[in-house]
N, C-alpha and C. Protein backbone atom coordinates (compact mmCIF):
# COMPACT_ATOMS: atom_id res chain seq x y z
N MET A 1 157.47 146.93 173.30
CA MET A 1 156.38 146.77 172.35
C MET A 1 156.62 147.69 171.16
N SER A 2 156.60 147.15 169.95
CA SER A 2 156.81 147.95 168.76
C SER A 2 155.55 148.73 168.42
N LYS A 3 155.70 149.65 167.49
CA LYS A 3 154.55 150.47 167.10
C LYS A 3 153.44 149.63 166.49
N LYS A 4 153.80 148.58 165.76
CA LYS A 4 152.78 147.72 165.15
C LYS A 4 152.03 146.92 166.20
N GLU A 5 152.66 146.67 167.35
CA GLU A 5 152.05 145.87 168.39
C GLU A 5 151.27 146.71 169.41
N GLU A 6 151.30 148.04 169.23
CA GLU A 6 150.61 148.90 170.18
C GLU A 6 149.13 148.58 170.20
N LYS A 7 148.56 148.72 171.37
CA LYS A 7 147.14 148.44 171.57
C LYS A 7 146.30 149.50 170.85
N LYS A 8 145.35 149.04 170.05
CA LYS A 8 144.43 149.95 169.39
C LYS A 8 143.37 150.37 170.41
N GLY A 9 142.86 151.55 170.22
CA GLY A 9 141.78 151.99 171.09
C GLY A 9 142.06 153.36 171.67
N VAL A 10 141.18 153.75 172.53
CA VAL A 10 141.24 155.07 173.15
C VAL A 10 141.88 154.95 174.52
N ASN A 11 142.70 155.92 174.84
CA ASN A 11 143.33 155.97 176.15
C ASN A 11 142.24 156.04 177.22
N PRO A 12 142.22 155.08 178.15
CA PRO A 12 141.16 155.07 179.17
C PRO A 12 141.17 156.31 180.06
N GLU A 13 142.35 156.88 180.29
CA GLU A 13 142.41 158.11 181.10
C GLU A 13 141.75 159.28 180.38
N LEU A 14 141.95 159.35 179.08
CA LEU A 14 141.31 160.41 178.29
C LEU A 14 139.80 160.23 178.28
N GLU A 15 139.35 159.00 178.13
CA GLU A 15 137.92 158.72 178.13
C GLU A 15 137.29 159.09 179.47
N LYS A 16 137.96 158.74 180.56
CA LYS A 16 137.45 159.07 181.89
C LYS A 16 137.41 160.59 182.09
N PHE A 17 138.47 161.27 181.65
CA PHE A 17 138.52 162.73 181.78
C PHE A 17 137.36 163.39 181.05
N LEU A 18 137.12 162.98 179.80
CA LEU A 18 136.04 163.59 179.03
C LEU A 18 134.67 163.28 179.63
N ASN A 19 134.50 162.07 180.13
CA ASN A 19 133.23 161.73 180.76
C ASN A 19 133.00 162.55 182.02
N ASP A 20 134.05 162.73 182.83
CA ASP A 20 133.93 163.56 184.03
C ASP A 20 133.66 165.02 183.67
N LEU A 21 134.35 165.50 182.65
CA LEU A 21 134.15 166.88 182.21
C LEU A 21 132.73 167.10 181.72
N MET A 22 132.19 166.14 180.99
CA MET A 22 130.81 166.24 180.49
C MET A 22 129.82 166.24 181.64
N ARG A 23 130.06 165.39 182.62
CA ARG A 23 129.18 165.32 183.78
C ARG A 23 129.17 166.65 184.54
N LYS A 24 130.35 167.25 184.71
CA LYS A 24 130.43 168.55 185.40
C LYS A 24 129.78 169.66 184.59
N ALA A 25 129.98 169.61 183.27
CA ALA A 25 129.42 170.66 182.42
C ALA A 25 127.89 170.63 182.44
N LYS A 26 127.32 169.43 182.46
CA LYS A 26 125.85 169.33 182.47
C LYS A 26 125.25 169.92 183.73
N SER A 27 125.97 169.86 184.84
CA SER A 27 125.40 170.33 186.10
C SER A 27 125.86 171.74 186.48
N ASP A 28 126.70 172.37 185.66
CA ASP A 28 127.20 173.71 185.98
C ASP A 28 126.29 174.77 185.35
N PRO A 29 125.50 175.48 186.17
CA PRO A 29 124.59 176.48 185.60
C PRO A 29 125.31 177.74 185.10
N ASP A 30 126.55 177.94 185.53
CA ASP A 30 127.28 179.14 185.13
C ASP A 30 128.05 178.97 183.82
N MET A 31 128.20 177.75 183.35
CA MET A 31 128.93 177.50 182.12
C MET A 31 128.05 177.88 180.93
N SER A 32 128.66 178.53 179.95
CA SER A 32 127.89 178.95 178.77
C SER A 32 127.50 177.74 177.93
N LEU A 33 126.45 177.92 177.18
CA LEU A 33 125.97 176.87 176.29
C LEU A 33 127.03 176.53 175.24
N THR A 34 127.76 177.53 174.79
CA THR A 34 128.82 177.31 173.80
C THR A 34 129.90 176.38 174.37
N ASP A 35 130.32 176.63 175.60
CA ASP A 35 131.32 175.78 176.22
C ASP A 35 130.81 174.36 176.44
N LYS A 36 129.55 174.25 176.83
CA LYS A 36 128.95 172.92 177.02
C LYS A 36 128.92 172.16 175.70
N MET A 37 128.59 172.84 174.62
CA MET A 37 128.51 172.18 173.32
C MET A 37 129.90 171.80 172.80
N ARG A 38 130.91 172.58 173.12
CA ARG A 38 132.28 172.21 172.73
C ARG A 38 132.70 170.92 173.42
N ILE A 39 132.35 170.79 174.67
CA ILE A 39 132.65 169.56 175.41
C ILE A 39 131.87 168.39 174.81
N ALA A 40 130.61 168.62 174.52
CA ALA A 40 129.78 167.57 173.92
C ALA A 40 130.34 167.14 172.57
N ASP A 41 130.83 168.08 171.77
CA ASP A 41 131.43 167.75 170.48
C ASP A 41 132.65 166.85 170.66
N ARG A 42 133.46 167.14 171.66
CA ARG A 42 134.65 166.32 171.91
C ARG A 42 134.26 164.91 172.34
N VAL A 43 133.23 164.81 173.16
CA VAL A 43 132.76 163.50 173.61
C VAL A 43 132.21 162.70 172.42
N LEU A 44 131.45 163.37 171.55
CA LEU A 44 130.93 162.69 170.37
C LEU A 44 132.04 162.25 169.43
N LYS A 45 133.06 163.08 169.28
CA LYS A 45 134.21 162.72 168.43
C LYS A 45 134.91 161.48 169.00
N LEU A 46 135.04 161.42 170.30
CA LEU A 46 135.64 160.25 170.95
C LEU A 46 134.82 159.00 170.66
N GLU A 47 133.50 159.11 170.71
CA GLU A 47 132.63 157.97 170.41
C GLU A 47 132.81 157.52 168.96
N GLN A 48 132.95 158.48 168.04
CA GLN A 48 133.18 158.14 166.64
C GLN A 48 134.49 157.37 166.50
N LEU A 49 135.53 157.82 167.16
CA LEU A 49 136.82 157.14 167.10
C LEU A 49 136.74 155.74 167.67
N LYS A 50 136.00 155.57 168.76
CA LYS A 50 135.84 154.25 169.36
C LYS A 50 135.15 153.31 168.38
N GLN A 51 134.17 153.81 167.62
CA GLN A 51 133.48 152.97 166.65
C GLN A 51 134.41 152.54 165.52
N LYS A 52 135.33 153.42 165.12
CA LYS A 52 136.29 153.07 164.08
C LYS A 52 137.20 151.95 164.56
N PHE A 53 137.60 151.98 165.83
CA PHE A 53 138.47 150.94 166.36
C PHE A 53 137.75 149.60 166.42
N VAL A 54 136.46 149.62 166.67
CA VAL A 54 135.69 148.39 166.77
C VAL A 54 135.46 147.77 165.40
N ASP A 55 135.24 148.59 164.40
CA ASP A 55 134.90 148.13 163.06
C ASP A 55 136.13 148.22 162.16
N ASP A 56 136.84 147.11 161.97
CA ASP A 56 138.04 147.09 161.13
C ASP A 56 137.72 147.36 159.66
N GLU A 57 136.48 147.14 159.25
CA GLU A 57 136.08 147.36 157.87
C GLU A 57 135.65 148.80 157.61
N PHE A 58 135.73 149.69 158.61
CA PHE A 58 135.29 151.07 158.48
C PHE A 58 136.05 151.75 157.33
N GLY A 59 135.33 152.25 156.36
CA GLY A 59 135.92 152.97 155.25
C GLY A 59 136.54 152.10 154.17
N SER A 60 136.44 150.79 154.33
CA SER A 60 137.07 149.90 153.35
C SER A 60 136.35 149.92 152.01
N GLY A 61 135.14 150.37 151.94
CA GLY A 61 134.39 150.43 150.70
C GLY A 61 134.99 151.40 149.69
N PHE A 62 135.81 152.32 150.15
CA PHE A 62 136.42 153.29 149.26
C PHE A 62 137.53 152.66 148.42
N HIS A 63 138.02 151.49 148.83
CA HIS A 63 139.12 150.85 148.13
C HIS A 63 138.66 149.75 147.18
N ASP A 64 137.37 149.54 147.06
CA ASP A 64 136.85 148.52 146.15
C ASP A 64 137.05 148.95 144.70
N ASP A 65 137.41 148.00 143.87
CA ASP A 65 137.59 148.28 142.44
C ASP A 65 136.30 148.13 141.70
């Protein structure tokens, strides 16, 4: 498979890892709030990336003449 033919999207293993990590962080009373928020930020960033893959027109308005 060439680079142009590569599947767009998020690696499912990465998505599963972050979801599991978020689930553990929410239930861990010993984890600091800062660490929990860092994990939440990564999960939110992943969601943003997934939305970009779904919407092919994302950011296309910047190229209008």
